[in-house]
Structure formats: C-alpha cells, structure tokens
Amino acid sequence: MTGCKTNPYTQFYQSYTNQWPVVMQQGLLPVSGEPRIIASSNMREDARRLEEQGYAAIGAAGFRGGLVGQQQLVWQAKNVGAEVVLYTSQFSHTESGVAPVLSYQPGQTYTTQTYGTANANAYGSGGYAYGYGTYSGTSTTTTPGTLSTEYVPYSREVYDHGAVFWRRMKPGIFGARLAPIPETMRSTLQRNTGVLVDIVQIDTPAFRANILDGDVIIQIADKPVETVQQFIGLLPSYVGQKVSVKVIRGGQTLDI
C-alpha cells in the first residue's frame, strides 16, 4: 500500500496491454526471476535490442521530480509483471525558493510561594483559649505560547524520469516486426505494395533464414504481398513448411 501511494512509477504508469487483443495478451510468457533494471542513454536503440530478443513493451511511466531510487522501479516491475525495465533520468533544472516554516514558542511558567503565621483566640463560658500556627505553599502559572512563521530558503535538483516495462512473448510464426513501406521508400522502389521488415527477432524462422532489417517483402510462396495485415493473414497457412520469400534488398530482388 505504501508503494502505491508514494511511488511515482506507480502513480504515472500507463498500461499498454489493456489495448491489446486477447490473442496478444495470451502470448505473454510467465515471469522468471527478478526484474532487470537497465539505465539507458539511448532508449530507442535499447528498445530495439529488447524487441530482437523477443520482449514486448507492456507499459511506461514518465514524470518530472527529484531523484527516485531504483527500488521503486523494482517494486513497480514486480507489480505489473515486467521482466526488464529500461529507464532514463536526465537533469532538467534547479528549483529554488523559500518555504514557510511554522514554529511554536512555549509560554513561560511562573511559580509563586506563599507562607505566614495564623493566630486564633477563643472566649467562652469555660474560659479563654489562645493558639497559633504557620503555613506555606506554592502555585504555578503558565502564560500562553506563541506561533510564528519563518521563511527558509531551499534549492533542489529536478529530473525528467522515463521508464518502459518489458515482458517476453511467445515467438511469432515468422519472427519479425513489420511495417508499411514508408513514403520516402516508395518512390525509390517504384512500388506501393509490400511490407518493410523493421526488426527481426533472434532465433525465429525469419532470423534463421537471414531475413534482415530493412528488407522489403513482396512475395511469399506464390502469393504477392500487399499490406502488413494481408501478409500476417497468409502466414498461418504456411506453418511448418519451407517456402520461398521474395525480398528487395539494396535495390536487388532476392529469393530466400
């Protein structure tokens, strides 16, 4: 409970898996071991390396504030079931100002002592009586305290924090992250159809067949490839088979 209330990685966490289709959620593998925390100086490149190893980003958190300990990253990673956390923490600026501090000054206590002698005389039908005695005592009085406000200068360093949480997934049928052909490549290739291989995952059919990042797939078996969704739809019919994949690489067309 304390972790949830005080941990900014929990407070600002946004889950990606909530938007995934059920089939993708079911592809997450069980967590094994303690989370690995990786400080990154290049989040984009480090993220690509994790994707090549079969990890998928399941959520992220970003915020601005003071320094935060790694134990809070570990806590949130365990909380969301992440195996790896990529994080960055970059100095933003120094924040200065004055903060009011309320102080209480206790009141003063006074002690008063009293003492003296008392005499008593009595007359009656039986005669006359006389007596005397002494007395002493103390009393304590306390005056009310006072409240005052002081202004104390402060200075603290502020950082921009970012973290992405990762979990390993079951390997795909083909084993690559695919994208549409970018607009800048279409004029060079003189075509609109086909799919760009963005990332090849290690130890998958695409990896073992030497498909490379940057290849443009234009045909699988005897079927022309037009879009990413169409290509993904074709893959299940070729599971367990050896097929020819035609790609454009460096201006040349290759059959792999």
C-alpha atoms as a PDB file:
ATOM      1  CA  MET A   1       0.000   0.000   0.000  1.00  0.00           C
ATOM      2  CA  THR A   2       2.838   2.399   0.833  1.00  0.00           C
ATOM      3  CA  GLY A   3       4.487   1.629  -2.513  1.00  0.00           C
ATOM      4  CA  CYS A   4       1.320   2.545  -4.410  1.00  0.00           C
ATOM      5  CA  LYS A   5       0.884   5.877  -2.621  1.00  0.00           C
ATOM      6  CA  THR A   6       4.488   7.115  -2.722  1.00  0.00           C
ATOM      7  CA  ASN A   7       5.925   5.502  -5.847  1.00  0.00           C
ATOM      8  CA  PRO A   8       5.783   7.881  -8.867  1.00  0.00           C
ATOM      9  CA  TYR A   9       6.395   4.957 -11.247  1.00  0.00           C
ATOM     10  CA  THR A  10       3.107   3.539  -9.987  1.00  0.00           C
ATOM     11  CA  GLN A  11       1.301   6.875  -9.915  1.00  0.00           C
ATOM     12  CA  PHE A  12       2.148   7.739 -13.542  1.00  0.00           C
ATOM     13  CA  TYR A  13       2.147   4.212 -15.012  1.00  0.00           C
ATOM     14  CA  GLN A  14       0.196   3.632 -18.235  1.00  0.00           C
ATOM     15  CA  SER A  15      -0.512   0.062 -19.327  1.00  0.00           C
ATOM     16  CA  TYR A  16      -0.241  -0.925 -22.992  1.00  0.00           C
ATOM     17  CA  THR A  17      -1.692  -4.417 -22.594  1.00  0.00           C
ATOM     18  CA  ASN A  18      -5.184  -3.059 -21.861  1.00  0.00           C
ATOM     19  CA  GLN A  19      -5.402  -2.112 -25.538  1.00  0.00           C
ATOM     20  CA  TRP A  20      -4.008  -5.397 -26.870  1.00  0.00           C
ATOM     21  CA  PRO A  21      -6.250  -8.015 -28.475  1.00  0.00           C
ATOM     22  CA  VAL A  22      -6.784 -11.115 -26.331  1.00  0.00           C
ATOM     23  CA  VAL A  23      -4.535 -13.232 -28.537  1.00  0.00           C
ATOM     24  CA  MET A  24      -1.598 -10.915 -27.824  1.00  0.00           C
ATOM     25  CA  GLN A  25      -2.276 -10.891 -24.082  1.00  0.00           C
ATOM     26  CA  GLN A  26      -2.237 -14.677 -24.138  1.00  0.00           C
ATOM     27  CA  GLY A  27       1.176 -14.573 -25.838  1.00  0.00           C
ATOM     28  CA  LEU A  28       2.926 -13.154 -22.765  1.00  0.00           C
ATOM     29  CA  LEU A  29       5.247 -15.723 -21.194  1.00  0.00           C
ATOM     30  CA  PRO A  30       5.429 -16.293 -17.416  1.00  0.00           C
ATOM     31  CA  VAL A  31       7.819 -14.050 -15.493  1.00  0.00           C
ATOM     32  CA  SER A  32      11.059 -15.721 -14.477  1.00  0.00           C
ATOM     33  CA  GLY A  33      13.439 -14.318 -11.855  1.00  0.00           C
ATOM     34  CA  GLU A  34      13.961 -10.818 -10.500  1.00  0.00           C
ATOM     35  CA  PRO A  35      13.371  -7.818 -12.800  1.00  0.00           C
ATOM     36  CA  ARG A  36      16.418  -6.459 -14.617  1.00  0.00           C
ATOM     37  CA  ILE A  37      16.814  -2.683 -14.345  1.00  0.00           C
ATOM     38  CA  ILE A  38      18.760  -1.139 -17.248  1.00  0.00           C
ATOM     39  CA  ALA A  39      19.826   2.509 -17.273  1.00  0.00           C
ATOM     40  CA  SER A  40      19.651   3.682 -20.884  1.00  0.00           C
ATOM     41  CA  SER A  41      21.367   6.548 -22.666  1.00  0.00           C
ATOM     42  CA  ASN A  42      19.569   5.682 -25.925  1.00  0.00           C
ATOM     43  CA  MET A  43      16.062   4.390 -25.267  1.00  0.00           C
ATOM     44  CA  ARG A  44      15.249   3.842 -28.947  1.00  0.00           C
ATOM     45  CA  GLU A  45      18.244   1.612 -29.666  1.00  0.00           C
ATOM     46  CA  ASP A  46      17.983  -0.301 -26.380  1.00  0.00           C
ATOM     47  CA  ALA A  47      14.286  -0.897 -27.052  1.00  0.00           C
ATOM     48  CA  ARG A  48      15.149  -2.385 -30.455  1.00  0.00           C
ATOM     49  CA  ARG A  49      17.640  -4.763 -28.825  1.00  0.00           C
ATOM     50  CA  LEU A  50      14.960  -5.969 -26.418  1.00  0.00           C
ATOM     51  CA  GLU A  51      12.463  -6.472 -29.243  1.00  0.00           C
ATOM     52  CA  GLU A  52      15.072  -8.522 -31.106  1.00  0.00           C
ATOM     53  CA  GLN A  53      15.289 -10.740 -28.009  1.00  0.00           C
ATOM     54  CA  GLY A  54      11.527 -11.317 -28.043  1.00  0.00           C
ATOM     55  CA  TYR A  55      10.401  -8.751 -25.455  1.00  0.00           C
ATOM     56  CA  ALA A  56       7.332  -6.549 -25.787  1.00  0.00           C
ATOM     57  CA  ALA A  57       6.672  -3.243 -24.021  1.00  0.00           C
ATOM     58  CA  ILE A  58       3.739  -3.708 -21.608  1.00  0.00           C
ATOM     59  CA  GLY A  59       3.632  -0.200 -20.146  1.00  0.00           C
ATOM     60  CA  ALA A  60       5.516   3.010 -19.386  1.00  0.00           C
ATOM     61  CA  ALA A  61       5.776   5.831 -16.869  1.00  0.00           C
ATOM     62  CA  GLY A  62       7.129   9.361 -17.205  1.00  0.00           C
ATOM     63  CA  PHE A  63       7.273  12.274 -14.765  1.00  0.00           C
ATOM     64  CA  ARG A  64       9.364  15.217 -13.557  1.00  0.00           C
ATOM     65  CA  GLY A  65      10.634  15.390  -9.980  1.00  0.00           C
ATOM     66  CA  GLY A  66      13.513  14.777  -7.609  1.00  0.00           C
ATOM     67  CA  LEU A  67      15.789  11.754  -7.580  1.00  0.00           C
ATOM     68  CA  VAL A  68      13.984   8.394  -7.289  1.00  0.00           C
ATOM     69  CA  GLY A  69      15.580   5.158  -6.080  1.00  0.00           C
ATOM     70  CA  GLN A  70      15.838   2.007  -8.187  1.00  0.00           C
ATOM     71  CA  GLN A  71      13.984   0.038  -5.526  1.00  0.00           C
ATOM     72  CA  GLN A  72      10.822   1.843  -6.637  1.00  0.00           C
ATOM     73  CA  LEU A  73      11.414   0.693 -10.218  1.00  0.00           C
ATOM     74  CA  VAL A  74      11.837  -2.886  -8.971  1.00  0.00           C
ATOM     75  CA  TRP A  75       8.637  -2.607  -6.926  1.00  0.00           C
ATOM     76  CA  GLN A  76       6.600  -1.416  -9.921  1.00  0.00           C
ATOM     77  CA  ALA A  77       8.157  -4.020 -12.229  1.00  0.00           C
ATOM     78  CA  LYS A  78       7.037  -6.785  -9.866  1.00  0.00           C
ATOM     79  CA  ASN A  79       3.649  -5.114  -9.508  1.00  0.00           C
ATOM     80  CA  VAL A  80       2.938  -5.199 -13.272  1.00  0.00           C
ATOM     81  CA  GLY A  81       4.783  -8.445 -14.060  1.00  0.00           C
ATOM     82  CA  ALA A  82       7.713  -6.946 -16.013  1.00  0.00           C
ATOM     83  CA  GLU A  83      10.993  -8.787 -16.518  1.00  0.00           C
ATOM     84  CA  VAL A  84      13.051  -5.833 -17.757  1.00  0.00           C
ATOM     85  CA  VAL A  85      12.823  -2.084 -17.172  1.00  0.00           C
ATOM     86  CA  LEU A  86      14.563   0.448 -19.403  1.00  0.00           C
ATOM     87  CA  TYR A  87      14.819   3.775 -17.656  1.00  0.00           C
ATOM     88  CA  THR A  88      16.376   7.181 -18.121  1.00  0.00           C
ATOM     89  CA  SER A  89      16.834  10.050 -15.676  1.00  0.00           C
ATOM     90  CA  GLN A  90      18.083  13.365 -17.046  1.00  0.00           C
ATOM     91  CA  PHE A  91      18.757  16.583 -15.142  1.00  0.00           C
ATOM     92  CA  SER A  92      16.252  19.302 -16.025  1.00  0.00           C
ATOM     93  CA  HIS A  93      16.896  22.307 -13.783  1.00  0.00           C
ATOM     94  CA  THR A  94      17.489  23.502 -10.243  1.00  0.00           C
ATOM     95  CA  GLU A  95      14.425  24.728  -8.401  1.00  0.00           C
ATOM     96  CA  SER A  96      14.942  27.426  -5.735  1.00  0.00           C
ATOM     97  CA  GLY A  97      12.638  29.351  -3.444  1.00  0.00           C
ATOM     98  CA  VAL A  98      11.583  29.877   0.148  1.00  0.00           C
ATOM     99  CA  ALA A  99       9.357  27.627   2.226  1.00  0.00           C
ATOM    100  CA  PRO A 100       7.299  28.804   5.207  1.00  0.00           C
ATOM    101  CA  VAL A 101       8.078  27.006   8.465  1.00  0.00           C
ATOM    102  CA  LEU A 102       5.664  27.399  11.382  1.00  0.00           C
ATOM    103  CA  SER A 103       7.383  27.399  14.781  1.00  0.00           C
ATOM    104  CA  TYR A 104       5.888  27.370  18.279  1.00  0.00           C
ATOM    105  CA  GLN A 105       7.448  29.220  21.198  1.00  0.00           C
ATOM    106  CA  PRO A 106       6.202  27.771  24.520  1.00  0.00           C
ATOM    107  CA  GLY A 107       4.891  30.166  27.132  1.00  0.00           C
ATOM    108  CA  GLN A 108       6.754  30.902  30.386  1.00  0.00           C
ATOM    109  CA  THR A 109       5.926  29.246  33.692  1.00  0.00           C
ATOM    110  CA  TYR A 110       5.893  31.193  36.954  1.00  0.00           C
ATOM    111  CA  THR A 111       5.891  29.690  40.466  1.00  0.00           C
ATOM    112  CA  THR A 112       4.574  31.724  43.436  1.00  0.00           C
ATOM    113  CA  GLN A 113       5.348  30.787  47.037  1.00  0.00           C
ATOM    114  CA  THR A 114       3.115  31.791  49.983  1.00  0.00           C
ATOM    115  CA  TYR A 115       3.849  31.454  53.701  1.00  0.00           C
ATOM    116  CA  GLY A 116       2.868  33.063  57.015  1.00  0.00           C
ATOM    117  CA  THR A 117       1.538  32.657  60.603  1.00  0.00           C
ATOM    118  CA  ALA A 118      -2.060  32.384  61.771  1.00  0.00           C
ATOM    119  CA  ASN A 119      -3.310  33.269  65.279  1.00  0.00           C
ATOM    120  CA  ALA A 120      -6.575  32.227  66.886  1.00  0.00           C
ATOM    121  CA  ASN A 121      -8.306  33.402  70.101  1.00  0.00           C
ATOM    122  CA  ALA A 122     -11.396  31.861  71.669  1.00  0.00           C
ATOM    123  CA  TYR A 123     -13.624  33.046  74.527  1.00  0.00           C
ATOM    124  CA  GLY A 124     -16.442  31.150  76.210  1.00  0.00           C
ATOM    125  CA  SER A 125     -18.183  30.362  79.485  1.00  0.00           C
ATOM    126  CA  GLY A 126     -15.498  27.876  80.213  1.00  0.00           C
ATOM    127  CA  GLY A 127     -12.657  30.323  79.922  1.00  0.00           C
ATOM    128  CA  TYR A 128     -10.146  31.686  77.416  1.00  0.00           C
ATOM    129  CA  ALA A 129      -8.049  29.856  74.754  1.00  0.00           C
ATOM    130  CA  TYR A 130      -5.224  31.027  72.501  1.00  0.00           C
ATOM    131  CA  GLY A 131      -3.408  29.314  69.584  1.00  0.00           C
ATOM    132  CA  TYR A 132      -1.226  29.996  66.527  1.00  0.00           C
ATOM    133  CA  GLY A 133       0.316  28.128  63.555  1.00  0.00           C
ATOM    134  CA  THR A 134       2.413  28.615  60.368  1.00  0.00           C
ATOM    135  CA  TYR A 135       1.556  27.815  56.742  1.00  0.00           C
ATOM    136  CA  SER A 136       3.406  27.687  53.363  1.00  0.00           C
ATOM    137  CA  GLY A 137       2.578  26.692  49.767  1.00  0.00           C
ATOM    138  CA  THR A 138       3.281  27.200  46.043  1.00  0.00           C
ATOM    139  CA  SER A 139       1.190  27.925  42.945  1.00  0.00           C
ATOM    140  CA  THR A 140       2.203  27.602  39.243  1.00  0.00           C
ATOM    141  CA  THR A 141       1.029  29.846  36.382  1.00  0.00           C
ATOM    142  CA  THR A 142       1.878  29.352  32.654  1.00  0.00           C
ATOM    143  CA  THR A 143       1.396  32.043  30.035  1.00  0.00           C
ATOM    144  CA  PRO A 144       0.107  31.038  26.530  1.00  0.00           C
ATOM    145  CA  GLY A 145       2.680  30.117  23.848  1.00  0.00           C
ATOM    146  CA  THR A 146       3.117  31.971  20.575  1.00  0.00           C
ATOM    147  CA  LEU A 147       3.193  30.841  16.913  1.00  0.00           C
ATOM    148  CA  SER A 148       5.494  32.435  14.358  1.00  0.00           C
ATOM    149  CA  THR A 149       6.290  31.856  10.674  1.00  0.00           C
ATOM    150  CA  GLU A 150       9.831  31.773   9.367  1.00  0.00           C
ATOM    151  CA  TYR A 151      10.848  31.551   5.698  1.00  0.00           C
ATOM    152  CA  VAL A 152      13.647  29.107   4.945  1.00  0.00           C
ATOM    153  CA  PRO A 153      15.406  29.140   1.550  1.00  0.00           C
ATOM    154  CA  TYR A 154      15.639  25.824  -0.344  1.00  0.00           C
ATOM    155  CA  SER A 155      17.221  24.502  -3.521  1.00  0.00           C
ATOM    156  CA  ARG A 156      16.610  21.114  -5.183  1.00  0.00           C
ATOM    157  CA  GLU A 157      17.553  19.443  -8.448  1.00  0.00           C
ATOM    158  CA  VAL A 158      14.721  18.398 -10.772  1.00  0.00           C
ATOM    159  CA  TYR A 159      14.984  15.472 -13.220  1.00  0.00           C
ATOM    160  CA  ASP A 160      12.939  14.115 -16.132  1.00  0.00           C
ATOM    161  CA  HIS A 161      12.305  10.412 -15.476  1.00  0.00           C
ATOM    162  CA  GLY A 162      11.115   7.848 -18.013  1.00  0.00           C
ATOM    163  CA  ALA A 163      10.745   4.070 -17.794  1.00  0.00           C
ATOM    164  CA  VAL A 164       9.420   1.368 -20.138  1.00  0.00           C
ATOM    165  CA  PHE A 165       8.446  -2.029 -18.721  1.00  0.00           C
ATOM    166  CA  TRP A 166       9.040  -5.196 -20.802  1.00  0.00           C
ATOM    167  CA  ARG A 167       7.934  -8.824 -20.811  1.00  0.00           C
ATOM    168  CA  ARG A 168       8.966 -11.721 -23.033  1.00  0.00           C
ATOM    169  CA  MET A 169       6.406 -13.032 -25.526  1.00  0.00           C
ATOM    170  CA  LYS A 170       5.971 -16.282 -27.400  1.00  0.00           C
ATOM    171  CA  PRO A 171       7.808 -16.144 -30.759  1.00  0.00           C
ATOM    172  CA  GLY A 172       5.646 -15.356 -33.764  1.00  0.00           C
ATOM    173  CA  ILE A 173       5.104 -17.561 -36.803  1.00  0.00           C
ATOM    174  CA  PHE A 174       7.514 -15.509 -38.930  1.00  0.00           C
ATOM    175  CA  GLY A 175       9.511 -13.723 -36.242  1.00  0.00           C
ATOM    176  CA  ALA A 176       9.718 -10.104 -37.372  1.00  0.00           C
ATOM    177  CA  ARG A 177       8.113  -6.764 -36.653  1.00  0.00           C
ATOM    178  CA  LEU A 178       6.652  -5.437 -39.885  1.00  0.00           C
ATOM    179  CA  ALA A 179       5.620  -2.008 -41.113  1.00  0.00           C
ATOM    180  CA  PRO A 180       4.139  -0.461 -44.250  1.00  0.00           C
ATOM    181  CA  ILE A 181       6.640   0.811 -46.802  1.00  0.00           C
ATOM    182  CA  PRO A 182       7.456   4.412 -45.798  1.00  0.00           C
ATOM    183  CA  GLU A 183       6.527   7.167 -48.192  1.00  0.00           C
ATOM    184  CA  THR A 184      10.208   8.041 -48.679  1.00  0.00           C
ATOM    185  CA  MET A 185      10.963   4.488 -49.910  1.00  0.00           C
ATOM    186  CA  ARG A 186       8.049   4.179 -52.318  1.00  0.00           C
ATOM    187  CA  SER A 187       9.496   6.497 -54.920  1.00  0.00           C
ATOM    188  CA  THR A 188      12.888   4.782 -54.662  1.00  0.00           C
ATOM    189  CA  LEU A 189      11.377   1.291 -55.050  1.00  0.00           C
ATOM    190  CA  GLN A 190       8.772   2.471 -57.539  1.00  0.00           C
ATOM    191  CA  ARG A 191       6.045   0.496 -55.765  1.00  0.00           C
ATOM    192  CA  ASN A 192       3.305   0.860 -53.152  1.00  0.00           C
ATOM    193  CA  THR A 193       2.807  -2.786 -52.200  1.00  0.00           C
ATOM    194  CA  GLY A 194       4.947  -4.898 -49.917  1.00  0.00           C
ATOM    195  CA  VAL A 195       5.948  -4.763 -46.239  1.00  0.00           C
ATOM    196  CA  LEU A 196       9.072  -3.433 -44.570  1.00  0.00           C
ATOM    197  CA  VAL A 197      10.946  -5.661 -42.113  1.00  0.00           C
ATOM    198  CA  ASP A 198      11.592  -3.341 -39.169  1.00  0.00           C
ATOM    199  CA  ILE A 199      13.034  -5.764 -36.574  1.00  0.00           C
ATOM    200  CA  VAL A 200      13.962  -9.448 -36.836  1.00  0.00           C
ATOM    201  CA  GLN A 201      13.680 -11.427 -33.605  1.00  0.00           C
ATOM    202  CA  ILE A 202      16.545 -13.718 -32.666  1.00  0.00           C
ATOM    203  CA  ASP A 203      16.095 -17.499 -33.127  1.00  0.00           C
ATOM    204  CA  THR A 204      12.948 -17.336 -35.255  1.00  0.00           C
ATOM    205  CA  PRO A 205      12.239 -18.590 -38.821  1.00  0.00           C
ATOM    206  CA  ALA A 206      12.976 -15.124 -40.254  1.00  0.00           C
ATOM    207  CA  PHE A 207      16.243 -14.908 -38.284  1.00  0.00           C
ATOM    208  CA  ARG A 208      17.455 -18.369 -39.323  1.00  0.00           C
ATOM    209  CA  ALA A 209      16.586 -17.660 -42.966  1.00  0.00           C
ATOM    210  CA  ASN A 210      18.731 -14.475 -42.812  1.00  0.00           C
ATOM    211  CA  ILE A 211      15.912 -12.011 -43.354  1.00  0.00           C
ATOM    212  CA  LEU A 212      17.422  -8.620 -42.436  1.00  0.00           C
ATOM    213  CA  ASP A 213      16.160  -5.345 -41.022  1.00  0.00           C
ATOM    214  CA  GLY A 214      15.274  -3.116 -43.964  1.00  0.00           C
ATOM    215  CA  ASP A 215      14.235  -5.911 -46.340  1.00  0.00           C
ATOM    216  CA  VAL A 216      11.003  -5.287 -48.238  1.00  0.00           C
ATOM    217  CA  ILE A 217       8.941  -8.464 -48.615  1.00  0.00           C
ATOM    218  CA  ILE A 218       6.987  -8.560 -51.882  1.00  0.00           C
ATOM    219  CA  GLN A 219       6.036 -12.239 -52.154  1.00  0.00           C
ATOM    220  CA  ILE A 220       5.649 -15.391 -50.051  1.00  0.00           C
ATOM    221  CA  ALA A 221       5.421 -18.729 -51.885  1.00  0.00           C
ATOM    222  CA  ASP A 222       3.358 -17.786 -54.959  1.00  0.00           C
ATOM    223  CA  LYS A 223       1.312 -15.046 -53.232  1.00  0.00           C
ATOM    224  CA  PRO A 224       2.156 -11.365 -53.764  1.00  0.00           C
ATOM    225  CA  VAL A 225       2.433  -9.362 -50.525  1.00  0.00           C
ATOM    226  CA  GLU A 226       0.495  -6.117 -50.473  1.00  0.00           C
ATOM    227  CA  THR A 227      -0.026  -4.952 -46.879  1.00  0.00           C
ATOM    228  CA  VAL A 228       1.074  -5.897 -43.371  1.00  0.00           C
ATOM    229  CA  GLN A 229      -2.331  -7.267 -42.407  1.00  0.00           C
ATOM    230  CA  GLN A 230      -2.608  -9.298 -45.617  1.00  0.00           C
ATOM    231  CA  PHE A 231       0.881 -10.791 -45.073  1.00  0.00           C
ATOM    232  CA  ILE A 232       0.083 -11.714 -41.457  1.00  0.00           C
ATOM    233  CA  GLY A 233      -3.123 -13.325 -42.661  1.00  0.00           C
ATOM    234  CA  LEU A 234      -1.164 -15.500 -45.108  1.00  0.00           C
ATOM    235  CA  LEU A 235       1.358 -16.822 -42.544  1.00  0.00           C
ATOM    236  CA  PRO A 236      -0.808 -19.419 -40.714  1.00  0.00           C
ATOM    237  CA  SER A 237      -1.296 -21.400 -43.957  1.00  0.00           C
ATOM    238  CA  TYR A 238       2.492 -21.924 -44.216  1.00  0.00           C
ATOM    239  CA  VAL A 239       3.240 -23.045 -40.635  1.00  0.00           C
ATOM    240  CA  GLY A 240       5.687 -25.994 -40.660  1.00  0.00           C
ATOM    241  CA  GLN A 241       6.531 -25.578 -44.354  1.00  0.00           C
ATOM    242  CA  LYS A 242       9.572 -24.329 -46.216  1.00  0.00           C
ATOM    243  CA  VAL A 243       8.535 -21.522 -48.544  1.00  0.00           C
ATOM    244  CA  SER A 244      10.272 -19.014 -50.768  1.00  0.00           C
ATOM    245  CA  VAL A 245      10.145 -15.385 -49.632  1.00  0.00           C
ATOM    246  CA  LYS A 246      10.957 -12.754 -52.224  1.00  0.00           C
ATOM    247  CA  VAL A 247      12.514  -9.559 -50.857  1.00  0.00           C
ATOM    248  CA  ILE A 248      14.030  -6.342 -52.177  1.00  0.00           C
ATOM    249  CA  ARG A 249      17.375  -5.634 -50.522  1.00  0.00           C
ATOM    250  CA  GLY A 250      19.776  -2.891 -51.567  1.00  0.00           C
ATOM    251  CA  GLY A 251      17.971  -2.441 -54.878  1.00  0.00           C
ATOM    252  CA  GLN A 252      18.145  -6.161 -55.770  1.00  0.00           C
ATOM    253  CA  THR A 253      15.354  -8.768 -55.673  1.00  0.00           C
ATOM    254  CA  LEU A 254      16.312 -11.940 -53.800  1.00  0.00           C
ATOM    255  CA  ASP A 255      14.549 -15.268 -53.269  1.00  0.00           C
ATOM    256  CA  ILE A 256      15.165 -16.543 -49.706  1.00  0.00           C
END
